[in-house]
Amino acid sequence: MIACVGLQQKDPNEIDALNQKITSLLNYRVGLITEIKNLHQKRRDLRNEIRALSEKARSTRDGLNKGYGEYKEARKIRRETLAKIREIRQNMLAIESELGKVEQNLPRREGDTIEERIKAADWKLQTERLTREEERQLVEMVKDLELKFRLWKKAYAARQELSSLRSEMNQLKRRLDGLSASREKVEGEIESGKTRLTYDVKARDQLFNEMEELNEDISELEQTIAKTDAQLEELRQKRREMLKESKGHDRDASQRKEQEMLAKAKDAAKEKLQRGEKLTFEELKLALEDEPEPTNQPSQPSQNDDSKSLPLGDMPERGSTV
């Protein structure tokens, strides 16, 4: 009996201690859940930043590719323009050399005069009466003038071509200047784009490193939560077993107490019966009841010899006295 009381006093203390441990672990688990939620949110934010940097780097790379294409095209056009300018210069030199030969003894502005002299000589040959010598001299003069006129026309055409070439070359030079300015602008944009791309890629790599660290932290927290859940389940199982055991002890103690009280009441009823005192129906029932089976189940009352030794009359009614 004393051992049972000691156990009943010990169990609540142990259960309280278990409850405190469970509460502490639950609070710890809540903190872990809050921390892992914060890490998940931070990881989502990092993913958004990485996605934005990747898009920015992709846009910068596309711009660089476009810039490289423009730069190559500008260099190609520049080479073609320079080649064209060199070709024009060579043509101009050849024309100027030819002009130098043609115009050596031919004034530049004599073309109109020569043409008028040829027309006048032709008119004179057709309208005037000339001697054979005068006609011969006039024909020789016309031939000489026609030769000079052809040379002058050739020189004039060369001059026109030279002027056209010079105009074309000046236009190409202006185009070349524009290409140079455009190339410098494209080169600046390319260098700026390369700098931005390098910075964005480094920043993205740093975010990837942070992401890896976050993943490791999250994995560790998940393992810690799993261990905490296992500890909680173990403590809860232990508490369930202790509560079950405690309830069993309480039930056994209650049954023992009831049996003790029943035994005392039965002894008292038997003593009253032996003394011939009046008994209630319940007391008489207890006095005549057989001893309980070892299973602690109450047995049905039976009539024994004591019932035959009642003083008078029939069995008493419920609630009456004998």
C-alpha atoms as a PDB file:
ATOM      1  CA  MET A   1       0.000   0.000   0.000  1.00  0.00           C
ATOM      2  CA  ILE A   2       2.807   2.405   0.898  1.00  0.00           C
ATOM      3  CA  ALA A   3       4.658   1.578  -2.343  1.00  0.00           C
ATOM      4  CA  CYS A   4       1.557   2.364  -4.370  1.00  0.00           C
ATOM      5  CA  VAL A   5       1.120   5.718  -2.668  1.00  0.00           C
ATOM      6  CA  GLY A   6       4.769   6.535  -3.346  1.00  0.00           C
ATOM      7  CA  LEU A   7       4.355   5.685  -7.021  1.00  0.00           C
ATOM      8  CA  GLN A   8       1.199   7.810  -7.249  1.00  0.00           C
ATOM      9  CA  GLN A   9       3.116  10.742  -5.756  1.00  0.00           C
ATOM     10  CA  LYS A  10       6.038  10.218  -8.107  1.00  0.00           C
ATOM     11  CA  ASP A  11       4.116   9.956 -11.403  1.00  0.00           C
ATOM     12  CA  PRO A  12       2.626  13.500 -11.419  1.00  0.00           C
ATOM     13  CA  ASN A  13       6.078  14.978 -10.871  1.00  0.00           C
ATOM     14  CA  GLU A  14       7.523  12.970 -13.725  1.00  0.00           C
ATOM     15  CA  ILE A  15       4.566  13.850 -15.954  1.00  0.00           C
ATOM     16  CA  ASP A  16       4.970  17.537 -15.099  1.00  0.00           C
ATOM     17  CA  ALA A  17       8.654  17.294 -15.975  1.00  0.00           C
ATOM     18  CA  LEU A  18       7.749  15.623 -19.263  1.00  0.00           C
ATOM     19  CA  ASN A  19       5.178  18.318 -19.980  1.00  0.00           C
ATOM     20  CA  GLN A  20       7.791  20.984 -19.362  1.00  0.00           C
ATOM     21  CA  LYS A  21      10.212  19.259 -21.733  1.00  0.00           C
ATOM     22  CA  ILE A  22       7.495  18.910 -24.380  1.00  0.00           C
ATOM     23  CA  THR A  23       6.506  22.574 -24.016  1.00  0.00           C
ATOM     24  CA  SER A  24      10.138  23.629 -24.238  1.00  0.00           C
ATOM     25  CA  LEU A  25      10.656  21.524 -27.372  1.00  0.00           C
ATOM     26  CA  LEU A  26       7.449  22.880 -28.906  1.00  0.00           C
ATOM     27  CA  ASN A  27       8.616  26.452 -28.320  1.00  0.00           C
ATOM     28  CA  TYR A  28      11.998  25.547 -29.757  1.00  0.00           C
ATOM     29  CA  ARG A  29      10.278  23.986 -32.775  1.00  0.00           C
ATOM     30  CA  VAL A  30       8.172  27.129 -33.296  1.00  0.00           C
ATOM     31  CA  GLY A  31      11.374  29.157 -33.356  1.00  0.00           C
ATOM     32  CA  LEU A  32      12.895  26.764 -35.884  1.00  0.00           C
ATOM     33  CA  ILE A  33       9.794  26.964 -38.093  1.00  0.00           C
ATOM     34  CA  THR A  34       9.872  30.764 -37.962  1.00  0.00           C
ATOM     35  CA  GLU A  35      13.556  30.782 -38.830  1.00  0.00           C
ATOM     36  CA  ILE A  36      13.136  28.368 -41.743  1.00  0.00           C
ATOM     37  CA  LYS A  37      10.195  30.430 -43.054  1.00  0.00           C
ATOM     38  CA  ASN A  38      12.404  33.515 -43.001  1.00  0.00           C
ATOM     39  CA  LEU A  39      15.128  31.609 -44.850  1.00  0.00           C
ATOM     40  CA  HIS A  40      12.638  30.410 -47.460  1.00  0.00           C
ATOM     41  CA  GLN A  41      11.461  33.984 -47.995  1.00  0.00           C
ATOM     42  CA  LYS A  42      15.040  35.173 -48.271  1.00  0.00           C
ATOM     43  CA  ARG A  43      15.735  32.422 -50.791  1.00  0.00           C
ATOM     44  CA  ARG A  44      12.707  33.498 -52.847  1.00  0.00           C
ATOM     45  CA  ASP A  45      13.990  37.076 -52.772  1.00  0.00           C
ATOM     46  CA  LEU A  46      17.417  35.873 -53.899  1.00  0.00           C
ATOM     47  CA  ARG A  47      15.854  33.934 -56.742  1.00  0.00           C
ATOM     48  CA  ASN A  48      14.017  37.053 -57.881  1.00  0.00           C
ATOM     49  CA  GLU A  49      17.244  39.063 -57.734  1.00  0.00           C
ATOM     50  CA  ILE A  50      19.120  36.353 -59.646  1.00  0.00           C
ATOM     51  CA  ARG A  51      16.349  36.235 -62.247  1.00  0.00           C
ATOM     52  CA  ALA A  52      16.471  40.035 -62.628  1.00  0.00           C
ATOM     53  CA  LEU A  53      20.274  40.040 -62.928  1.00  0.00           C
ATOM     54  CA  SER A  54      20.155  37.200 -65.452  1.00  0.00           C
ATOM     55  CA  GLU A  55      17.645  39.138 -67.549  1.00  0.00           C
ATOM     56  CA  LYS A  56      19.769  42.262 -67.261  1.00  0.00           C
ATOM     57  CA  ALA A  57      22.916  40.349 -68.243  1.00  0.00           C
ATOM     58  CA  ARG A  58      21.069  38.766 -71.174  1.00  0.00           C
ATOM     59  CA  SER A  59      19.915  42.193 -72.362  1.00  0.00           C
ATOM     60  CA  THR A  60      23.436  43.591 -72.000  1.00  0.00           C
ATOM     61  CA  ARG A  61      24.872  40.621 -73.891  1.00  0.00           C
ATOM     62  CA  ASP A  62      22.330  41.124 -76.689  1.00  0.00           C
ATOM     63  CA  GLY A  63      23.318  44.780 -76.831  1.00  0.00           C
ATOM     64  CA  LEU A  64      26.975  43.807 -76.991  1.00  0.00           C
ATOM     65  CA  ASN A  65      26.323  41.357 -79.808  1.00  0.00           C
ATOM     66  CA  LYS A  66      24.470  44.071 -81.694  1.00  0.00           C
ATOM     67  CA  GLY A  67      27.295  46.509 -80.976  1.00  0.00           C
ATOM     68  CA  TYR A  68      29.895  44.028 -82.193  1.00  0.00           C
ATOM     69  CA  GLY A  69      27.879  43.551 -85.369  1.00  0.00           C
ATOM     70  CA  GLU A  70      27.633  47.295 -85.947  1.00  0.00           C
ATOM     71  CA  TYR A  71      31.318  47.692 -85.192  1.00  0.00           C
ATOM     72  CA  LYS A  72      32.274  44.994 -87.703  1.00  0.00           C
ATOM     73  CA  GLU A  73      29.949  46.468 -90.318  1.00  0.00           C
ATOM     74  CA  ALA A  74      31.390  49.941 -89.726  1.00  0.00           C
ATOM     75  CA  ARG A  75      34.933  48.613 -90.117  1.00  0.00           C
ATOM     76  CA  LYS A  76      33.938  46.847 -93.318  1.00  0.00           C
ATOM     77  CA  ILE A  77      32.352  50.003 -94.745  1.00  0.00           C
ATOM     78  CA  ARG A  78      35.375  52.011 -93.639  1.00  0.00           C
ATOM     79  CA  ARG A  79      37.745  49.648 -95.423  1.00  0.00           C
ATOM     80  CA  GLU A  80      35.604  49.795 -98.554  1.00  0.00           C
ATOM     81  CA  THR A  81      35.440  53.589 -98.335  1.00  0.00           C
ATOM     82  CA  LEU A  82      39.195  53.898 -97.921  1.00  0.00           C
ATOM     83  CA  ALA A  83      39.727  51.576-100.869  1.00  0.00           C
ATOM     84  CA  LYS A  84      37.331  53.681-102.953  1.00  0.00           C
ATOM     85  CA  ILE A  85      39.121  56.884-101.943  1.00  0.00           C
ATOM     86  CA  ARG A  86      42.479  55.382-102.912  1.00  0.00           C
ATOM     87  CA  GLU A  87      41.032  54.302-106.245  1.00  0.00           C
ATOM     88  CA  ILE A  88      39.636  57.791-106.885  1.00  0.00           C
ATOM     89  CA  ARG A  89      42.960  59.373-106.017  1.00  0.00           C
ATOM     90  CA  GLN A  90      44.749  57.111-108.454  1.00  0.00           C
ATOM     91  CA  ASN A  91      42.224  57.995-111.162  1.00  0.00           C
ATOM     92  CA  MET A  92      42.603  61.680-110.379  1.00  0.00           C
ATOM     93  CA  LEU A  93      46.374  61.428-110.586  1.00  0.00           C
ATOM     94  CA  ALA A  94      46.124  59.698-113.957  1.00  0.00           C
ATOM     95  CA  ILE A  95      43.688  62.328-115.261  1.00  0.00           C
ATOM     96  CA  GLU A  96      45.782  65.208-113.964  1.00  0.00           C
ATOM     97  CA  SER A  97      48.842  63.696-115.605  1.00  0.00           C
ATOM     98  CA  GLU A  98      46.995  63.387-118.913  1.00  0.00           C
ATOM     99  CA  LEU A  99      45.657  66.913-118.551  1.00  0.00           C
ATOM    100  CA  GLY A 100      49.137  68.172-117.985  1.00  0.00           C
ATOM    101  CA  LYS A 101      50.163  66.732-121.311  1.00  0.00           C
ATOM    102  CA  VAL A 102      47.070  67.945-123.186  1.00  0.00           C
ATOM    103  CA  GLU A 103      47.012  71.428-121.720  1.00  0.00           C
ATOM    104  CA  GLN A 104      50.733  72.016-121.999  1.00  0.00           C
ATOM    105  CA  ASN A 105      50.249  74.246-125.063  1.00  0.00           C
ATOM    106  CA  LEU A 106      46.468  74.678-124.805  1.00  0.00           C
ATOM    107  CA  PRO A 107      44.895  77.394-122.698  1.00  0.00           C
ATOM    108  CA  ARG A 108      42.030  76.110-120.570  1.00  0.00           C
ATOM    109  CA  ARG A 109      39.502  78.665-121.804  1.00  0.00           C
ATOM    110  CA  GLU A 110      40.333  78.530-125.551  1.00  0.00           C
ATOM    111  CA  GLY A 111      37.623  76.046-126.481  1.00  0.00           C
ATOM    112  CA  ASP A 112      34.940  78.556-127.423  1.00  0.00           C
ATOM    113  CA  THR A 113      37.421  80.616-129.456  1.00  0.00           C
ATOM    114  CA  ILE A 114      38.685  77.584-131.351  1.00  0.00           C
ATOM    115  CA  GLU A 115      35.144  76.500-132.161  1.00  0.00           C
ATOM    116  CA  GLU A 116      34.288  79.971-133.494  1.00  0.00           C
ATOM    117  CA  ARG A 117      37.463  80.055-135.606  1.00  0.00           C
ATOM    118  CA  ILE A 118      36.577  76.643-137.087  1.00  0.00           C
ATOM    119  CA  LYS A 119      33.069  77.829-137.948  1.00  0.00           C
ATOM    120  CA  ALA A 120      34.430  81.027-139.515  1.00  0.00           C
ATOM    121  CA  ALA A 121      36.956  79.110-141.619  1.00  0.00           C
ATOM    122  CA  ASP A 122      34.283  76.676-142.815  1.00  0.00           C
ATOM    123  CA  TRP A 123      32.035  79.572-143.745  1.00  0.00           C
ATOM    124  CA  LYS A 124      34.841  81.265-145.630  1.00  0.00           C
ATOM    125  CA  LEU A 125      35.627  78.078-147.552  1.00  0.00           C
ATOM    126  CA  GLN A 126      31.995  77.746-148.538  1.00  0.00           C
ATOM    127  CA  THR A 127      31.163  81.350-149.434  1.00  0.00           C
ATOM    128  CA  GLU A 128      34.337  83.073-150.707  1.00  0.00           C
ATOM    129  CA  ARG A 129      36.313  82.594-153.848  1.00  0.00           C
ATOM    130  CA  LEU A 130      39.822  81.600-152.800  1.00  0.00           C
ATOM    131  CA  THR A 131      42.971  80.774-154.634  1.00  0.00           C
ATOM    132  CA  ARG A 132      44.254  77.270-154.380  1.00  0.00           C
ATOM    133  CA  GLU A 133      47.006  78.381-152.018  1.00  0.00           C
ATOM    134  CA  GLU A 134      44.578  80.291-149.803  1.00  0.00           C
ATOM    135  CA  GLU A 135      42.216  77.317-149.778  1.00  0.00           C
ATOM    136  CA  ARG A 136      45.071  74.938-148.878  1.00  0.00           C
ATOM    137  CA  GLN A 137      46.240  77.181-146.037  1.00  0.00           C
ATOM    138  CA  LEU A 138      42.702  77.561-144.776  1.00  0.00           C
ATOM    139  CA  VAL A 139      42.113  73.783-144.827  1.00  0.00           C
ATOM    140  CA  GLU A 140      45.387  73.193-142.931  1.00  0.00           C
ATOM    141  CA  MET A 141      44.326  75.776-140.377  1.00  0.00           C
ATOM    142  CA  VAL A 142      40.925  74.085-139.948  1.00  0.00           C
ATOM    143  CA  LYS A 143      42.605  70.695-139.407  1.00  0.00           C
ATOM    144  CA  ASP A 144      44.918  72.216-136.830  1.00  0.00           C
ATOM    145  CA  LEU A 145      42.016  73.934-135.088  1.00  0.00           C
ATOM    146  CA  GLU A 146      39.923  70.747-135.074  1.00  0.00           C
ATOM    147  CA  LEU A 147      42.822  68.839-133.507  1.00  0.00           C
ATOM    148  CA  LYS A 148      43.182  71.491-130.858  1.00  0.00           C
ATOM    149  CA  PHE A 149      39.399  71.485-130.310  1.00  0.00           C
ATOM    150  CA  ARG A 150      39.345  67.717-129.826  1.00  0.00           C
ATOM    151  CA  LEU A 151      42.179  68.009-127.350  1.00  0.00           C
ATOM    152  CA  TRP A 152      40.355  70.791-125.583  1.00  0.00           C
ATOM    153  CA  LYS A 153      37.152  68.748-125.408  1.00  0.00           C
ATOM    154  CA  LYS A 154      39.133  65.820-124.039  1.00  0.00           C
ATOM    155  CA  ALA A 155      40.704  68.069-121.450  1.00  0.00           C
ATOM    156  CA  TYR A 156      37.317  69.571-120.619  1.00  0.00           C
ATOM    157  CA  ALA A 157      35.796  66.097-120.124  1.00  0.00           C
ATOM    158  CA  ALA A 158      38.768  65.130-117.990  1.00  0.00           C
ATOM    159  CA  ARG A 159      38.293  68.272-115.949  1.00  0.00           C
ATOM    160  CA  GLN A 160      34.615  67.416-115.459  1.00  0.00           C
ATOM    161  CA  GLU A 161      35.491  63.864-114.437  1.00  0.00           C
ATOM    162  CA  LEU A 162      38.183  65.170-112.137  1.00  0.00           C
ATOM    163  CA  SER A 163      35.690  67.515-110.492  1.00  0.00           C
ATOM    164  CA  SER A 164      33.172  64.694-110.111  1.00  0.00           C
ATOM    165  CA  LEU A 165      35.821  62.424-108.604  1.00  0.00           C
ATOM    166  CA  ARG A 166      36.917  65.141-106.238  1.00  0.00           C
ATOM    167  CA  SER A 167      33.305  65.679-105.152  1.00  0.00           C
ATOM    168  CA  GLU A 168      32.826  61.944-104.651  1.00  0.00           C
ATOM    169  CA  MET A 169      36.046  61.717-102.665  1.00  0.00           C
ATOM    170  CA  ASN A 170      34.983  64.591-100.427  1.00  0.00           C
ATOM    171  CA  GLN A 171      31.660  62.851 -99.865  1.00  0.00           C
ATOM    172  CA  LEU A 172      33.475  59.635 -98.999  1.00  0.00           C
ATOM    173  CA  LYS A 173      35.726  61.524 -96.613  1.00  0.00           C
ATOM    174  CA  ARG A 174      32.699  62.964 -94.835  1.00  0.00           C
ATOM    175  CA  ARG A 175      31.243  59.484 -94.662  1.00  0.00           C
ATOM    176  CA  LEU A 176      34.532  58.240 -93.282  1.00  0.00           C
ATOM    177  CA  ASP A 177      34.464  60.922 -90.605  1.00  0.00           C
ATOM    178  CA  GLY A 178      30.933  59.848 -89.685  1.00  0.00           C
ATOM    179  CA  LEU A 179      32.038  56.232 -89.537  1.00  0.00           C
ATOM    180  CA  SER A 180      34.927  57.158 -87.269  1.00  0.00           C
ATOM    181  CA  ALA A 181      32.606  59.038 -84.913  1.00  0.00           C
ATOM    182  CA  SER A 182      30.116  56.162 -84.978  1.00  0.00           C
ATOM    183  CA  ARG A 183      32.893  53.675 -84.336  1.00  0.00           C
ATOM    184  CA  GLU A 184      34.088  55.633 -81.324  1.00  0.00           C
ATOM    185  CA  LYS A 185      30.537  55.735 -79.981  1.00  0.00           C
ATOM    186  CA  VAL A 186      30.045  52.004 -80.536  1.00  0.00           C
ATOM    187  CA  GLU A 187      33.424  51.253 -78.944  1.00  0.00           C
ATOM    188  CA  GLY A 188      32.404  53.290 -75.893  1.00  0.00           C
ATOM    189  CA  GLU A 189      29.079  51.472 -75.667  1.00  0.00           C
ATOM    190  CA  ILE A 190      30.820  48.123 -76.007  1.00  0.00           C
ATOM    191  CA  GLU A 191      33.290  48.910 -73.234  1.00  0.00           C
ATOM    192  CA  SER A 192      30.472  50.176 -71.017  1.00  0.00           C
ATOM    193  CA  GLY A 193      28.421  47.065 -71.792  1.00  0.00           C
ATOM    194  CA  LYS A 194      31.343  44.781 -70.988  1.00  0.00           C
ATOM    195  CA  THR A 195      31.813  46.541 -67.659  1.00  0.00           C
ATOM    196  CA  ARG A 196      28.110  46.226 -66.812  1.00  0.00           C
ATOM    197  CA  LEU A 197      28.055  42.595 -67.888  1.00  0.00           C
ATOM    198  CA  THR A 198      31.100  41.751 -65.759  1.00  0.00           C
ATOM    199  CA  TYR A 199      29.562  43.484 -62.735  1.00  0.00           C
ATOM    200  CA  ASP A 200      26.158  41.821 -63.190  1.00  0.00           C
ATOM    201  CA  VAL A 201      27.687  38.362 -63.647  1.00  0.00           C
ATOM    202  CA  LYS A 202      29.840  38.778 -60.528  1.00  0.00           C
ATOM    203  CA  ALA A 203      26.831  40.008 -58.549  1.00  0.00           C
ATOM    204  CA  ARG A 204      24.777  37.057 -59.779  1.00  0.00           C
ATOM    205  CA  ASP A 205      27.554  34.612 -58.856  1.00  0.00           C
ATOM    206  CA  GLN A 206      27.647  36.131 -55.378  1.00  0.00           C
ATOM    207  CA  LEU A 207      23.890  35.641 -55.078  1.00  0.00           C
ATOM    208  CA  PHE A 208      24.304  32.033 -56.194  1.00  0.00           C
ATOM    209  CA  ASN A 209      26.861  31.537 -53.405  1.00  0.00           C
ATOM    210  CA  GLU A 210      24.437  33.054 -50.907  1.00  0.00           C
ATOM    211  CA  MET A 211      21.751  30.739 -52.263  1.00  0.00           C
ATOM    212  CA  GLU A 212      23.974  27.711 -51.663  1.00  0.00           C
ATOM    213  CA  GLU A 213      24.626  28.848 -48.096  1.00  0.00           C
ATOM    214  CA  LEU A 214      20.892  29.344 -47.566  1.00  0.00           C
ATOM    215  CA  ASN A 215      20.187  25.870 -48.911  1.00  0.00           C
ATOM    216  CA  GLU A 216      22.696  24.422 -46.454  1.00  0.00           C
ATOM    217  CA  ASP A 217      21.133  26.387 -43.571  1.00  0.00           C
ATOM    218  CA  ILE A 218      17.648  25.263 -44.603  1.00  0.00           C
ATOM    219  CA  SER A 219      18.807  21.649 -44.833  1.00  0.00           C
ATOM    220  CA  GLU A 220      20.350  21.842 -41.352  1.00  0.00           C
ATOM    221  CA  LEU A 221      17.166  23.401 -39.959  1.00  0.00           C
ATOM    222  CA  GLU A 222      15.026  20.706 -41.579  1.00  0.00           C
ATOM    223  CA  GLN A 223      17.223  18.029 -39.993  1.00  0.00           C
ATOM    224  CA  THR A 224      16.987  19.792 -36.628  1.00  0.00           C
ATOM    225  CA  ILE A 225      13.195  20.005 -36.950  1.00  0.00           C
ATOM    226  CA  ALA A 226      13.043  16.306 -37.830  1.00  0.00           C
ATOM    227  CA  LYS A 227      15.145  15.453 -34.754  1.00  0.00           C
ATOM    228  CA  THR A 228      12.949  17.709 -32.617  1.00  0.00           C
ATOM    229  CA  ASP A 229       9.820  16.002 -33.941  1.00  0.00           C
ATOM    230  CA  ALA A 230      11.337  12.618 -33.117  1.00  0.00           C
ATOM    231  CA  GLN A 231      12.158  13.792 -29.576  1.00  0.00           C
ATOM    232  CA  LEU A 232       8.644  15.190 -29.184  1.00  0.00           C
ATOM    233  CA  GLU A 233       7.095  11.924 -30.314  1.00  0.00           C
ATOM    234  CA  GLU A 234       9.328   9.983 -27.932  1.00  0.00           C
ATOM    235  CA  LEU A 235       8.379  12.241 -24.995  1.00  0.00           C
ATOM    236  CA  ARG A 236       4.688  12.107 -25.900  1.00  0.00           C
ATOM    237  CA  GLN A 237       4.805   8.327 -26.100  1.00  0.00           C
ATOM    238  CA  LYS A 238       6.523   8.199 -22.725  1.00  0.00           C
ATOM    239  CA  ARG A 239       3.900  10.546 -21.284  1.00  0.00           C
ATOM    240  CA  ARG A 240       1.081   8.401 -22.694  1.00  0.00           C
ATOM    241  CA  GLU A 241       2.608   5.304 -21.101  1.00  0.00           C
ATOM    242  CA  MET A 242       3.040   7.063 -17.755  1.00  0.00           C
ATOM    243  CA  LEU A 243      -0.520   8.384 -17.847  1.00  0.00           C
ATOM    244  CA  LYS A 244      -1.794   4.921 -18.693  1.00  0.00           C
ATOM    245  CA  GLU A 245       0.268   3.403 -15.869  1.00  0.00           C
ATOM    246  CA  SER A 246      -0.862   6.098 -13.448  1.00  0.00           C
ATOM    247  CA  LYS A 247      -4.508   5.530 -14.342  1.00  0.00           C
ATOM    248  CA  GLY A 248      -3.994   1.794 -13.812  1.00  0.00           C
ATOM    249  CA  HIS A 249      -2.539   2.383 -10.340  1.00  0.00           C
ATOM    250  CA  ASP A 250      -5.384   4.740  -9.466  1.00  0.00           C
ATOM    251  CA  ARG A 251      -7.942   2.190 -10.612  1.00  0.00           C
ATOM    252  CA  ASP A 252      -6.283  -0.612  -8.613  1.00  0.00           C
ATOM    253  CA  ALA A 253      -6.110   1.560  -5.504  1.00  0.00           C
ATOM    254  CA  SER A 254      -9.758   2.505  -5.858  1.00  0.00           C
ATOM    255  CA  GLN A 255     -10.757  -1.117  -6.263  1.00  0.00           C
ATOM    256  CA  ARG A 256      -8.728  -2.101  -3.189  1.00  0.00           C
ATOM    257  CA  LYS A 257     -10.337   0.651  -1.161  1.00  0.00           C
ATOM    258  CA  GLU A 258     -13.801  -0.415  -2.265  1.00  0.00           C
ATOM    259  CA  GLN A 259     -13.032  -4.017  -1.370  1.00  0.00           C
ATOM    260  CA  GLU A 260     -11.765  -2.972   2.072  1.00  0.00           C
ATOM    261  CA  MET A 261     -14.892  -0.921   2.741  1.00  0.00           C
ATOM    262  CA  LEU A 262     -17.089  -3.778   1.483  1.00  0.00           C
ATOM    263  CA  ALA A 263     -15.285  -6.241   3.720  1.00  0.00           C
ATOM    264  CA  LYS A 264     -15.751  -3.972   6.753  1.00  0.00           C
ATOM    265  CA  ALA A 265     -19.434  -3.522   5.979  1.00  0.00           C
ATOM    266  CA  LYS A 266     -19.833  -7.279   5.523  1.00  0.00           C
ATOM    267  CA  ASP A 267     -18.109  -8.004   8.856  1.00  0.00           C
ATOM    268  CA  ALA A 268     -20.313  -5.462  10.602  1.00  0.00           C
ATOM    269  CA  ALA A 269     -23.453  -6.968   9.050  1.00  0.00           C
ATOM    270  CA  LYS A 270     -22.430 -10.470  10.102  1.00  0.00           C
ATOM    271  CA  GLU A 271     -21.761  -9.296  13.652  1.00  0.00           C
ATOM    272  CA  LYS A 272     -25.211  -7.687  13.811  1.00  0.00           C
ATOM    273  CA  LEU A 273     -26.737 -10.862  12.420  1.00  0.00           C
ATOM    274  CA  GLN A 274     -24.969 -12.996  14.991  1.00  0.00           C
ATOM    275  CA  ARG A 275     -26.129 -10.671  17.765  1.00  0.00           C
ATOM    276  CA  GLY A 276     -29.678 -10.999  16.518  1.00  0.00           C
ATOM    277  CA  GLU A 277     -29.991  -7.302  15.739  1.00  0.00           C
ATOM    278  CA  LYS A 278     -32.254  -5.940  13.052  1.00  0.00           C
ATOM    279  CA  LEU A 279     -30.612  -5.593   9.591  1.00  0.00           C
ATOM    280  CA  THR A 280     -31.538  -3.649   6.508  1.00  0.00           C
ATOM    281  CA  PHE A 281     -31.971  -5.503   3.259  1.00  0.00           C
ATOM    282  CA  GLU A 282     -28.511  -4.332   2.072  1.00  0.00           C
ATOM    283  CA  GLU A 283     -26.905  -5.409   5.370  1.00  0.00           C
ATOM    284  CA  LEU A 284     -28.631  -8.767   5.194  1.00  0.00           C
ATOM    285  CA  LYS A 285     -27.462  -9.168   1.608  1.00  0.00           C
ATOM    286  CA  LEU A 286     -23.887  -8.430   2.659  1.00  0.00           C
ATOM    287  CA  ALA A 287     -24.101 -10.787   5.614  1.00  0.00           C
ATOM    288  CA  LEU A 288     -25.345 -13.659   3.490  1.00  0.00           C
ATOM    289  CA  GLU A 289     -23.042 -12.953   0.465  1.00  0.00           C
ATOM    290  CA  ASP A 290     -20.298 -15.435  -0.335  1.00  0.00           C
ATOM    291  CA  GLU A 291     -16.668 -14.386  -0.404  1.00  0.00           C
ATOM    292  CA  PRO A 292     -15.671 -12.812  -3.795  1.00  0.00           C
ATOM    293  CA  GLU A 293     -13.805 -14.793  -6.393  1.00  0.00           C
ATOM    294  CA  PRO A 294     -10.058 -14.170  -6.859  1.00  0.00           C
ATOM    295  CA  THR A 295     -10.906 -12.142  -9.991  1.00  0.00           C
ATOM    296  CA  ASN A 296     -12.321  -9.450  -7.696  1.00  0.00           C
ATOM    297  CA  GLN A 297     -15.743  -9.784  -9.446  1.00  0.00           C
ATOM    298  CA  PRO A 298     -18.684  -9.638  -6.984  1.00  0.00           C
ATOM    299  CA  SER A 299     -20.546 -12.962  -6.701  1.00  0.00           C
ATOM    300  CA  GLN A 300     -24.323 -13.402  -6.698  1.00  0.00           C
ATOM    301  CA  PRO A 301     -25.827 -13.749  -3.190  1.00  0.00           C
ATOM    302  CA  SER A 302     -27.106 -17.214  -2.288  1.00  0.00           C
ATOM    303  CA  GLN A 303     -29.289 -18.506   0.478  1.00  0.00           C
ATOM    304  CA  ASN A 304     -27.309 -20.448   3.052  1.00  0.00           C
ATOM    305  CA  ASP A 305     -27.996 -21.892   6.419  1.00  0.00           C
ATOM    306  CA  ASP A 306     -28.073 -18.389   7.961  1.00  0.00           C
ATOM    307  CA  SER A 307     -31.223 -17.625   5.983  1.00  0.00           C
ATOM    308  CA  LYS A 308     -32.830 -20.681   7.477  1.00  0.00           C
ATOM    309  CA  SER A 309     -31.952 -19.469  10.964  1.00  0.00           C
ATOM    310  CA  LEU A 310     -33.871 -16.219  10.638  1.00  0.00           C
ATOM    311  CA  PRO A 311     -36.143 -15.839  13.632  1.00  0.00           C
ATOM    312  CA  LEU A 312     -39.540 -15.359  12.067  1.00  0.00           C
ATOM    313  CA  GLY A 313     -41.514 -15.091   8.856  1.00  0.00           C
ATOM    314  CA  ASP A 314     -40.478 -14.575   5.231  1.00  0.00           C
ATOM    315  CA  MET A 315     -37.477 -12.694   3.835  1.00  0.00           C
ATOM    316  CA  PRO A 316     -37.553  -8.948   4.636  1.00  0.00           C
ATOM    317  CA  GLU A 317     -38.490  -6.503   1.908  1.00  0.00           C
ATOM    318  CA  ARG A 318     -36.011  -3.933   0.476  1.00  0.00           C
ATOM    319  CA  GLY A 319     -35.546  -1.085   2.940  1.00  0.00           C
ATOM    320  CA  SER A 320     -37.188  -2.890   5.856  1.00  0.00           C
ATOM    321  CA  THR A 321     -35.420  -4.065   9.014  1.00  0.00           C
ATOM    322  CA  VAL A 322     -35.334  -7.523  10.549  1.00  0.00           C
END
